[in-house]
Amino acid sequence: ILAAQLELGDQLLVLDIEGQPWAASGVYPEAEEWMREH
């Protein structure tokens, strides 16, 4: 879906991170909440 929208020189990486450990530093509290929720 997204590759069809890429322009010349764009790059796309799609990862499944659901349920995977993560760590953050210096991010907004809303960002950490989004990660916890999704």
PDB file of all heavy atoms in Angstrom:
ATOM      1  N   ILE A   1       0.838  -1.205   0.000  1.00  0.00           N
ATOM      2  CA  ILE A   1       0.000   0.000   0.000  1.00  0.00           C
ATOM      3  C   ILE A   1       0.872   1.253   0.000  1.00  0.00           C
ATOM      4  O   ILE A   1       0.660   2.187  -0.773  1.00  0.00           O
ATOM      5  CB  ILE A   1      -0.954  -0.001   1.207  1.00  0.00           C
ATOM      6  CG1 ILE A   1      -2.022  -1.083   1.038  1.00  0.00           C
ATOM      7  CG2 ILE A   1      -1.589   1.371   1.404  1.00  0.00           C
ATOM      8  CD1 ILE A   1      -2.812  -1.377   2.306  1.00  0.00           C
ATOM      9  N   LEU A   2       1.874   1.268   0.886  1.00  0.00           N
ATOM     10  CA  LEU A   2       2.707   2.463   1.005  1.00  0.00           C
ATOM     11  C   LEU A   2       3.738   2.582  -0.115  1.00  0.00           C
ATOM     12  O   LEU A   2       4.069   3.697  -0.533  1.00  0.00           O
ATOM     13  CB  LEU A   2       3.393   2.486   2.370  1.00  0.00           C
ATOM     14  CG  LEU A   2       2.438   2.579   3.562  1.00  0.00           C
ATOM     15  CD1 LEU A   2       3.211   2.542   4.864  1.00  0.00           C
ATOM     16  CD2 LEU A   2       1.564   3.818   3.469  1.00  0.00           C
ATOM     17  N   ALA A   3       4.241   1.468  -0.609  1.00  0.00           N
ATOM     18  CA  ALA A   3       5.236   1.509  -1.689  1.00  0.00           C
ATOM     19  C   ALA A   3       4.669   2.191  -2.930  1.00  0.00           C
ATOM     20  O   ALA A   3       5.396   2.863  -3.663  1.00  0.00           O
ATOM     21  CB  ALA A   3       5.716   0.102  -2.025  1.00  0.00           C
ATOM     22  N   ALA A   4       3.375   2.046  -3.134  1.00  0.00           N
ATOM     23  CA  ALA A   4       2.736   2.680  -4.291  1.00  0.00           C
ATOM     24  C   ALA A   4       2.757   4.207  -4.173  1.00  0.00           C
ATOM     25  O   ALA A   4       2.574   4.902  -5.168  1.00  0.00           O
ATOM     26  CB  ALA A   4       1.299   2.183  -4.424  1.00  0.00           C
ATOM     27  N   GLN A   5       3.005   4.736  -2.980  1.00  0.00           N
ATOM     28  CA  GLN A   5       3.008   6.175  -2.749  1.00  0.00           C
ATOM     29  C   GLN A   5       4.411   6.781  -2.687  1.00  0.00           C
ATOM     30  O   GLN A   5       4.559   7.992  -2.552  1.00  0.00           O
ATOM     31  CB  GLN A   5       2.293   6.494  -1.424  1.00  0.00           C
ATOM     32  CG  GLN A   5       0.900   5.928  -1.334  1.00  0.00           C
ATOM     33  CD  GLN A   5      -0.029   6.501  -2.385  1.00  0.00           C
ATOM     34  OE1 GLN A   5      -0.045   7.696  -2.623  1.00  0.00           O
ATOM     35  NE2 GLN A   5      -0.802   5.635  -3.021  1.00  0.00           N
ATOM     36  N   LEU A   6       5.444   5.933  -2.756  1.00  0.00           N
ATOM     37  CA  LEU A   6       6.818   6.425  -2.615  1.00  0.00           C
ATOM     38  C   LEU A   6       7.242   7.277  -3.797  1.00  0.00           C
ATOM     39  O   LEU A   6       6.837   7.029  -4.933  1.00  0.00           O
ATOM     40  CB  LEU A   6       7.793   5.256  -2.479  1.00  0.00           C
ATOM     41  CG  LEU A   6       7.660   4.392  -1.231  1.00  0.00           C
ATOM     42  CD1 LEU A   6       8.687   3.262  -1.267  1.00  0.00           C
ATOM     43  CD2 LEU A   6       7.811   5.213   0.027  1.00  0.00           C
ATOM     44  N   GLU A   7       8.048   8.269  -3.504  1.00  0.00           N
ATOM     45  CA  GLU A   7       8.648   9.090  -4.548  1.00  0.00           C
ATOM     46  C   GLU A   7      10.085   8.625  -4.753  1.00  0.00           C
ATOM     47  O   GLU A   7      10.648   7.915  -3.910  1.00  0.00           O
ATOM     48  CB  GLU A   7       8.617  10.559  -4.129  1.00  0.00           C
ATOM     49  CG  GLU A   7       7.207  11.102  -3.994  1.00  0.00           C
ATOM     50  CD  GLU A   7       7.187  12.548  -3.542  1.00  0.00           C
ATOM     51  OE1 GLU A   7       8.262  13.180  -3.475  1.00  0.00           O
ATOM     52  OE2 GLU A   7       6.091  13.049  -3.264  1.00  0.00           O
ATOM     53  N   LEU A   8      10.701   9.033  -5.846  1.00  0.00           N
ATOM     54  CA  LEU A   8      12.071   8.670  -6.148  1.00  0.00           C
ATOM     55  C   LEU A   8      12.980   9.035  -4.975  1.00  0.00           C
ATOM     56  O   LEU A   8      12.936  10.153  -4.471  1.00  0.00           O
ATOM     57  CB  LEU A   8      12.537   9.392  -7.419  1.00  0.00           C
ATOM     58  CG  LEU A   8      13.913   9.010  -7.938  1.00  0.00           C
ATOM     59  CD1 LEU A   8      13.941   7.528  -8.338  1.00  0.00           C
ATOM     60  CD2 LEU A   8      14.291   9.870  -9.120  1.00  0.00           C
ATOM     61  N   GLY A   9      13.755   8.082  -4.495  1.00  0.00           N
ATOM     62  CA  GLY A   9      14.672   8.315  -3.388  1.00  0.00           C
ATOM     63  C   GLY A   9      14.090   7.998  -2.021  1.00  0.00           C
ATOM     64  O   GLY A   9      14.819   7.958  -1.029  1.00  0.00           O
ATOM     65  N   ASP A  10      12.772   7.788  -1.930  1.00  0.00           N
ATOM     66  CA  ASP A  10      12.153   7.425  -0.659  1.00  0.00           C
ATOM     67  C   ASP A  10      12.526   6.000  -0.277  1.00  0.00           C
ATOM     68  O   ASP A  10      12.784   5.162  -1.142  1.00  0.00           O
ATOM     69  CB  ASP A  10      10.621   7.512  -0.739  1.00  0.00           C
ATOM     70  CG  ASP A  10      10.103   8.930  -0.729  1.00  0.00           C
ATOM     71  OD1 ASP A  10      10.888   9.856  -0.430  1.00  0.00           O
ATOM     72  OD2 ASP A  10       8.909   9.113  -1.023  1.00  0.00           O
ATOM     73  N   GLN A  11      12.525   5.732   1.007  1.00  0.00           N
ATOM     74  CA  GLN A  11      12.789   4.393   1.514  1.00  0.00           C
ATOM     75  C   GLN A  11      11.671   4.014   2.470  1.00  0.00           C
ATOM     76  O   GLN A  11      11.097   4.862   3.135  1.00  0.00           O
ATOM     77  CB  GLN A  11      14.130   4.345   2.242  1.00  0.00           C
ATOM     78  CG  GLN A  11      15.298   4.680   1.353  1.00  0.00           C
ATOM     79  CD  GLN A  11      16.609   4.664   2.115  1.00  0.00           C
ATOM     80  OE1 GLN A  11      16.727   4.070   3.181  1.00  0.00           O
ATOM     81  NE2 GLN A  11      17.607   5.333   1.576  1.00  0.00           N
ATOM     82  N   LEU A  12      11.378   2.729   2.547  1.00  0.00           N
ATOM     83  CA  LEU A  12      10.292   2.239   3.380  1.00  0.00           C
ATOM     84  C   LEU A  12      10.745   0.987   4.110  1.00  0.00           C
ATOM     85  O   LEU A  12      11.303   0.073   3.505  1.00  0.00           O
ATOM     86  CB  LEU A  12       9.070   1.922   2.504  1.00  0.00           C
ATOM     87  CG  LEU A  12       7.876   1.273   3.176  1.00  0.00           C
ATOM     88  CD1 LEU A  12       7.242   2.223   4.187  1.00  0.00           C
ATOM     89  CD2 LEU A  12       6.862   0.834   2.134  1.00  0.00           C
ATOM     90  N   LEU A  13      10.509   0.944   5.406  1.00  0.00           N
ATOM     91  CA  LEU A  13      10.795  -0.230   6.220  1.00  0.00           C
ATOM     92  C   LEU A  13       9.555  -0.501   7.049  1.00  0.00           C
ATOM     93  O   LEU A  13       9.070   0.383   7.766  1.00  0.00           O
ATOM     94  CB  LEU A  13      11.999   0.016   7.137  1.00  0.00           C
ATOM     95  CG  LEU A  13      12.334  -1.083   8.142  1.00  0.00           C
ATOM     96  CD1 LEU A  13      12.712  -2.374   7.431  1.00  0.00           C
ATOM     97  CD2 LEU A  13      13.444  -0.627   9.067  1.00  0.00           C
ATOM     98  N   VAL A  14       9.023  -1.719   6.957  1.00  0.00           N
ATOM     99  CA  VAL A  14       7.825  -2.096   7.693  1.00  0.00           C
ATOM    100  C   VAL A  14       8.211  -3.198   8.676  1.00  0.00           C
ATOM    101  O   VAL A  14       8.770  -4.219   8.277  1.00  0.00           O
ATOM    102  CB  VAL A  14       6.716  -2.600   6.734  1.00  0.00           C
ATOM    103  CG1 VAL A  14       5.482  -3.006   7.512  1.00  0.00           C
ATOM    104  CG2 VAL A  14       6.377  -1.542   5.695  1.00  0.00           C
ATOM    105  N   LEU A  15       7.922  -2.958   9.959  1.00  0.00           N
ATOM    106  CA  LEU A  15       8.265  -3.908  11.014  1.00  0.00           C
ATOM    107  C   LEU A  15       7.036  -4.227  11.847  1.00  0.00           C
ATOM    108  O   LEU A  15       6.196  -3.364  12.060  1.00  0.00           O
ATOM    109  CB  LEU A  15       9.322  -3.317  11.955  1.00  0.00           C
ATOM    110  CG  LEU A  15      10.624  -2.841  11.345  1.00  0.00           C
ATOM    111  CD1 LEU A  15      11.414  -2.026  12.368  1.00  0.00           C
ATOM    112  CD2 LEU A  15      11.446  -4.027  10.885  1.00  0.00           C
ATOM    113  N   ASP A  16       6.966  -5.449  12.354  1.00  0.00           N
ATOM    114  CA  ASP A  16       5.938  -5.822  13.319  1.00  0.00           C
ATOM    115  C   ASP A  16       6.578  -5.761  14.697  1.00  0.00           C
ATOM    116  O   ASP A  16       7.421  -6.590  15.028  1.00  0.00           O
ATOM    117  CB  ASP A  16       5.416  -7.222  13.021  1.00  0.00           C
ATOM    118  CG  ASP A  16       4.307  -7.647  13.969  1.00  0.00           C
ATOM    119  OD1 ASP A  16       4.016  -6.918  14.948  1.00  0.00           O
ATOM    120  OD2 ASP A  16       3.727  -8.719  13.729  1.00  0.00           O
ATOM    121  N   ILE A  17       6.199  -4.761  15.509  1.00  0.00           N
ATOM    122  CA  ILE A  17       6.801  -4.604  16.834  1.00  0.00           C
ATOM    123  C   ILE A  17       5.820  -4.913  17.951  1.00  0.00           C
ATOM    124  O   ILE A  17       6.142  -4.767  19.126  1.00  0.00           O
ATOM    125  CB  ILE A  17       7.388  -3.188  17.034  1.00  0.00           C
ATOM    126  CG1 ILE A  17       6.306  -2.112  16.917  1.00  0.00           C
ATOM    127  CG2 ILE A  17       8.514  -2.932  16.044  1.00  0.00           C
ATOM    128  CD1 ILE A  17       6.765  -0.730  17.339  1.00  0.00           C
ATOM    129  N   GLU A  18       4.622  -5.367  17.586  1.00  0.00           N
ATOM    130  CA  GLU A  18       3.611  -5.647  18.603  1.00  0.00           C
ATOM    131  C   GLU A  18       4.112  -6.715  19.569  1.00  0.00           C
ATOM    132  O   GLU A  18       4.580  -7.777  19.163  1.00  0.00           O
ATOM    133  CB  GLU A  18       2.303  -6.095  17.975  1.00  0.00           C
ATOM    134  CG  GLU A  18       1.206  -6.269  19.006  1.00  0.00           C
ATOM    135  CD  GLU A  18      -0.132  -6.608  18.397  1.00  0.00           C
ATOM    136  OE1 GLU A  18      -0.263  -6.592  17.166  1.00  0.00           O
ATOM    137  OE2 GLU A  18      -1.045  -6.884  19.168  1.00  0.00           O
ATOM    138  N   GLY A  19       4.030  -6.412  20.847  1.00  0.00           N
ATOM    139  CA  GLY A  19       4.437  -7.363  21.870  1.00  0.00           C
ATOM    140  C   GLY A  19       5.927  -7.463  22.083  1.00  0.00           C
ATOM    141  O   GLY A  19       6.393  -8.297  22.846  1.00  0.00           O
ATOM    142  N   GLN A  20       6.698  -6.620  21.414  1.00  0.00           N
ATOM    143  CA  GLN A  20       8.151  -6.662  21.529  1.00  0.00           C
ATOM    144  C   GLN A  20       8.629  -5.671  22.592  1.00  0.00           C
ATOM    145  O   GLN A  20       8.038  -4.612  22.757  1.00  0.00           O
ATOM    146  CB  GLN A  20       8.809  -6.328  20.189  1.00  0.00           C
ATOM    147  CG  GLN A  20       8.476  -7.308  19.089  1.00  0.00           C
ATOM    148  CD  GLN A  20       8.924  -8.722  19.440  1.00  0.00           C
ATOM    149  OE1 GLN A  20      10.068  -8.940  19.838  1.00  0.00           O
ATOM    150  NE2 GLN A  20       8.013  -9.661  19.314  1.00  0.00           N
ATOM    151  N   PRO A  21       9.710  -6.005  23.300  1.00  0.00           N
ATOM    152  CA  PRO A  21      10.254  -5.051  24.273  1.00  0.00           C
ATOM    153  C   PRO A  21      10.697  -3.764  23.573  1.00  0.00           C
ATOM    154  O   PRO A  21      11.086  -3.780  22.417  1.00  0.00           O
ATOM    155  CB  PRO A  21      11.470  -5.782  24.848  1.00  0.00           C
ATOM    156  CG  PRO A  21      11.281  -7.206  24.511  1.00  0.00           C
ATOM    157  CD  PRO A  21      10.465  -7.241  23.254  1.00  0.00           C
ATOM    158  N   TRP A  22      10.617  -2.678  24.299  1.00  0.00           N
ATOM    159  CA  TRP A  22      11.044  -1.389  23.762  1.00  0.00           C
ATOM    160  C   TRP A  22      11.564  -0.537  24.906  1.00  0.00           C
ATOM    161  O   TRP A  22      11.294  -0.786  26.063  1.00  0.00           O
ATOM    162  CB  TRP A  22       9.895  -0.691  23.030  1.00  0.00           C
ATOM    163  CG  TRP A  22       8.666  -0.466  23.857  1.00  0.00           C
ATOM    164  CD1 TRP A  22       7.645  -1.343  24.067  1.00  0.00           C
ATOM    165  CD2 TRP A  22       8.337   0.707  24.600  1.00  0.00           C
ATOM    166  NE1 TRP A  22       6.699  -0.803  24.886  1.00  0.00           N
ATOM    167  CE2 TRP A  22       7.095   0.470  25.243  1.00  0.00           C
ATOM    168  CE3 TRP A  22       8.947   1.929  24.797  1.00  0.00           C
ATOM    169  CZ2 TRP A  22       6.472   1.410  26.049  1.00  0.00           C
ATOM    170  CZ3 TRP A  22       8.320   2.865  25.602  1.00  0.00           C
ATOM    171  CH2 TRP A  22       7.107   2.601  26.206  1.00  0.00           C
ATOM    172  N   ALA A  23      12.335   0.449  24.565  1.00  0.00           N
ATOM    173  CA  ALA A  23      12.882   1.381  25.544  1.00  0.00           C
ATOM    174  C   ALA A  23      12.890   2.769  24.919  1.00  0.00           C
ATOM    175  O   ALA A  23      13.035   2.912  23.709  1.00  0.00           O
ATOM    176  CB  ALA A  23      14.291   0.976  25.945  1.00  0.00           C
ATOM    177  N   ALA A  24      12.733   3.789  25.751  1.00  0.00           N
ATOM    178  CA  ALA A  24      12.704   5.153  25.247  1.00  0.00           C
ATOM    179  C   ALA A  24      13.358   6.081  26.251  1.00  0.00           C
ATOM    180  O   ALA A  24      13.438   5.781  27.442  1.00  0.00           O
ATOM    181  CB  ALA A  24      11.264   5.590  24.999  1.00  0.00           C
ATOM    182  N   SER A  25      13.830   7.199  25.758  1.00  0.00           N
ATOM    183  CA  SER A  25      14.415   8.216  26.623  1.00  0.00           C
ATOM    184  C   SER A  25      14.146   9.581  26.006  1.00  0.00           C
ATOM    185  O   SER A  25      14.310   9.771  24.801  1.00  0.00           O
ATOM    186  CB  SER A  25      15.929   7.996  26.749  1.00  0.00           C
ATOM    187  OG  SER A  25      16.520   9.003  27.529  1.00  0.00           O
ATOM    188  N   GLY A  26      13.713  10.502  26.816  1.00  0.00           N
ATOM    189  CA  GLY A  26      13.499  11.861  26.334  1.00  0.00           C
ATOM    190  C   GLY A  26      12.285  12.043  25.458  1.00  0.00           C
ATOM    191  O   GLY A  26      12.182  13.042  24.755  1.00  0.00           O
ATOM    192  N   VAL A  27      11.361  11.089  25.464  1.00  0.00           N
ATOM    193  CA  VAL A  27      10.155  11.232  24.651  1.00  0.00           C
ATOM    194  C   VAL A  27       9.027  11.808  25.504  1.00  0.00           C
ATOM    195  O   VAL A  27       9.043  11.721  26.729  1.00  0.00           O
ATOM    196  CB  VAL A  27       9.709   9.891  24.022  1.00  0.00           C
ATOM    197  CG1 VAL A  27      10.766   9.353  23.083  1.00  0.00           C
ATOM    198  CG2 VAL A  27       9.371   8.874  25.094  1.00  0.00           C
ATOM    199  N   TYR A  28       8.063  12.407  24.857  1.00  0.00           N
ATOM    200  CA  TYR A  28       6.919  12.970  25.548  1.00  0.00           C
ATOM    201  C   TYR A  28       6.132  11.866  26.250  1.00  0.00           C
ATOM    202  O   TYR A  28       6.059  10.743  25.748  1.00  0.00           O
ATOM    203  CB  TYR A  28       5.996  13.693  24.568  1.00  0.00           C
ATOM    204  CG  TYR A  28       6.616  14.905  23.930  1.00  0.00           C
ATOM    205  CD1 TYR A  28       6.951  14.912  22.589  1.00  0.00           C
ATOM    206  CD2 TYR A  28       6.867  16.040  24.686  1.00  0.00           C
ATOM    207  CE1 TYR A  28       7.526  16.024  21.999  1.00  0.00           C
ATOM    208  CE2 TYR A  28       7.440  17.165  24.112  1.00  0.00           C
ATOM    209  CZ  TYR A  28       7.765  17.150  22.767  1.00  0.00           C
ATOM    210  OH  TYR A  28       8.337  18.257  22.206  1.00  0.00           O
ATOM    211  N   PRO A  29       5.493  12.171  27.379  1.00  0.00           N
ATOM    212  CA  PRO A  29       4.673  11.160  28.065  1.00  0.00           C
ATOM    213  C   PRO A  29       3.604  10.560  27.146  1.00  0.00           C
ATOM    214  O   PRO A  29       3.298   9.371  27.237  1.00  0.00           O
ATOM    215  CB  PRO A  29       4.028  11.946  29.220  1.00  0.00           C
ATOM    216  CG  PRO A  29       4.966  13.075  29.481  1.00  0.00           C
ATOM    217  CD  PRO A  29       5.554  13.430  28.130  1.00  0.00           C
ATOM    218  N   GLU A  30       3.062  11.377  26.236  1.00  0.00           N
ATOM    219  CA  GLU A  30       2.058  10.862  25.294  1.00  0.00           C
ATOM    220  C   GLU A  30       2.645   9.799  24.379  1.00  0.00           C
ATOM    221  O   GLU A  30       1.953   8.860  23.992  1.00  0.00           O
ATOM    222  CB  GLU A  30       1.489  12.008  24.439  1.00  0.00           C
ATOM    223  CG  GLU A  30       0.753  13.071  25.222  1.00  0.00           C
ATOM    224  CD  GLU A  30       1.671  14.147  25.801  1.00  0.00           C
ATOM    225  OE1 GLU A  30       2.895  14.109  25.569  1.00  0.00           O
ATOM    226  OE2 GLU A  30       1.159  15.026  26.507  1.00  0.00           O
ATOM    227  N   ALA A  31       3.916   9.936  24.049  1.00  0.00           N
ATOM    228  CA  ALA A  31       4.574   8.955  23.191  1.00  0.00           C
ATOM    229  C   ALA A  31       4.707   7.627  23.921  1.00  0.00           C
ATOM    230  O   ALA A  31       4.432   6.564  23.355  1.00  0.00           O
ATOM    231  CB  ALA A  31       5.947   9.457  22.762  1.00  0.00           C
ATOM    232  N   GLU A  32       5.134   7.683  25.171  1.00  0.00           N
ATOM    233  CA  GLU A  32       5.242   6.438  25.937  1.00  0.00           C
ATOM    234  C   GLU A  32       3.878   5.804  26.123  1.00  0.00           C
ATOM    235  O   GLU A  32       3.748   4.582  26.044  1.00  0.00           O
ATOM    236  CB  GLU A  32       5.904   6.690  27.291  1.00  0.00           C
ATOM    237  CG  GLU A  32       7.401   6.812  27.174  1.00  0.00           C
ATOM    238  CD  GLU A  32       8.112   6.533  28.482  1.00  0.00           C
ATOM    239  OE1 GLU A  32       7.760   5.550  29.175  1.00  0.00           O
ATOM    240  OE2 GLU A  32       9.030   7.298  28.799  1.00  0.00           O
ATOM    241  N   GLU A  33       2.856   6.602  26.345  1.00  0.00           N
ATOM    242  CA  GLU A  33       1.506   6.064  26.500  1.00  0.00           C
ATOM    243  C   GLU A  33       1.051   5.376  25.213  1.00  0.00           C
ATOM    244  O   GLU A  33       0.442   4.312  25.253  1.00  0.00           O
ATOM    245  CB  GLU A  33       0.531   7.182  26.889  1.00  0.00           C
ATOM    246  CG  GLU A  33      -0.888   6.695  27.118  1.00  0.00           C
ATOM    247  CD  GLU A  33      -1.008   5.662  28.226  1.00  0.00           C
ATOM    248  OE1 GLU A  33      -0.226   5.721  29.202  1.00  0.00           O
ATOM    249  OE2 GLU A  33      -1.878   4.771  28.109  1.00  0.00           O
ATOM    250  N   TRP A  34       1.354   5.989  24.055  1.00  0.00           N
ATOM    251  CA  TRP A  34       0.993   5.375  22.774  1.00  0.00           C
ATOM    252  C   TRP A  34       1.666   4.018  22.645  1.00  0.00           C
ATOM    253  O   TRP A  34       1.040   3.038  22.254  1.00  0.00           O
ATOM    254  CB  TRP A  34       1.392   6.288  21.606  1.00  0.00           C
ATOM    255  CG  TRP A  34       0.775   5.857  20.299  1.00  0.00           C
ATOM    256  CD1 TRP A  34      -0.357   6.359  19.745  1.00  0.00           C
ATOM    257  CD2 TRP A  34       1.247   4.841  19.407  1.00  0.00           C
ATOM    258  NE1 TRP A  34      -0.622   5.715  18.558  1.00  0.00           N
ATOM    259  CE2 TRP A  34       0.343   4.781  18.328  1.00  0.00           C
ATOM    260  CE3 TRP A  34       2.328   3.974  19.413  1.00  0.00           C
ATOM    261  CZ2 TRP A  34       0.497   3.890  17.273  1.00  0.00           C
ATOM    262  CZ3 TRP A  34       2.485   3.081  18.364  1.00  0.00           C
ATOM    263  CH2 TRP A  34       1.574   3.048  17.303  1.00  0.00           C
ATOM    264  N   MET A  35       2.938   3.954  22.985  1.00  0.00           N
ATOM    265  CA  MET A  35       3.670   2.686  22.900  1.00  0.00           C
ATOM    266  C   MET A  35       3.078   1.644  23.849  1.00  0.00           C
ATOM    267  O   MET A  35       2.894   0.494  23.476  1.00  0.00           O
ATOM    268  CB  MET A  35       5.148   2.905  23.207  1.00  0.00           C
ATOM    269  CG  MET A  35       5.891   3.708  22.158  1.00  0.00           C
ATOM    270  SD  MET A  35       6.038   2.843  20.582  1.00  0.00           S
ATOM    271  CE  MET A  35       7.208   1.558  21.033  1.00  0.00           C
ATOM    272  N   ARG A  36       2.776   2.045  25.065  1.00  0.00           N
ATOM    273  CA  ARG A  36       2.176   1.100  26.026  1.00  0.00           C
ATOM    274  C   ARG A  36       0.840   0.572  25.510  1.00  0.00           C
ATOM    275  O   ARG A  36       0.528  -0.603  25.664  1.00  0.00           O
ATOM    276  CB  ARG A  36       1.963   1.773  27.379  1.00  0.00           C
ATOM    277  CG  ARG A  36       3.209   2.054  28.149  1.00  0.00           C
ATOM    278  CD  ARG A  36       2.856   2.693  29.499  1.00  0.00           C
ATOM    279  NE  ARG A  36       3.934   3.479  30.029  1.00  0.00           N
ATOM    280  CZ  ARG A  36       4.997   2.997  30.662  1.00  0.00           C
ATOM    281  NH1 ARG A  36       5.106   1.702  30.838  1.00  0.00           N
ATOM    282  NH2 ARG A  36       5.940   3.801  31.108  1.00  0.00           N
ATOM    283  N   GLU A  37       0.063   1.448  24.897  1.00  0.00           N
ATOM    284  CA  GLU A  37      -1.264   1.067  24.427  1.00  0.00           C
ATOM    285  C   GLU A  37      -1.234   0.218  23.160  1.00  0.00           C
ATOM    286  O   GLU A  37      -2.011  -0.711  23.014  1.00  0.00           O
ATOM    287  CB  GLU A  37      -2.090   2.328  24.178  1.00  0.00           C
ATOM    288  CG  GLU A  37      -3.526   2.048  23.824  1.00  0.00           C
ATOM    289  CD  GLU A  37      -4.343   3.310  23.689  1.00  0.00           C
ATOM    290  OE1 GLU A  37      -4.040   4.309  24.373  1.00  0.00           O
ATOM    291  OE2 GLU A  37      -5.290   3.308  22.888  1.00  0.00           O
ATOM    292  N   HIS A  38      -0.323   0.518  22.239  1.00  0.00           N
ATOM    293  CA  HIS A  38      -0.369  -0.125  20.920  1.00  0.00           C
ATOM    294  C   HIS A  38       0.705  -1.178  20.680  1.00  0.00           C
ATOM    295  O   HIS A  38       0.552  -2.013  19.796  1.00  0.00           O
ATOM    296  CB  HIS A  38      -0.315   0.935  19.818  1.00  0.00           C
ATOM    297  CG  HIS A  38      -1.492   1.850  19.870  1.00  0.00           C
ATOM    298  ND1 HIS A  38      -2.754   1.475  19.490  1.00  0.00           N
ATOM    299  CD2 HIS A  38      -1.614   3.123  20.310  1.00  0.00           C
ATOM    300  CE1 HIS A  38      -3.590   2.458  19.669  1.00  0.00           C
ATOM    301  NE2 HIS A  38      -2.921   3.487  20.171  1.00  0.00           N
TER     302      HIS A  38
END
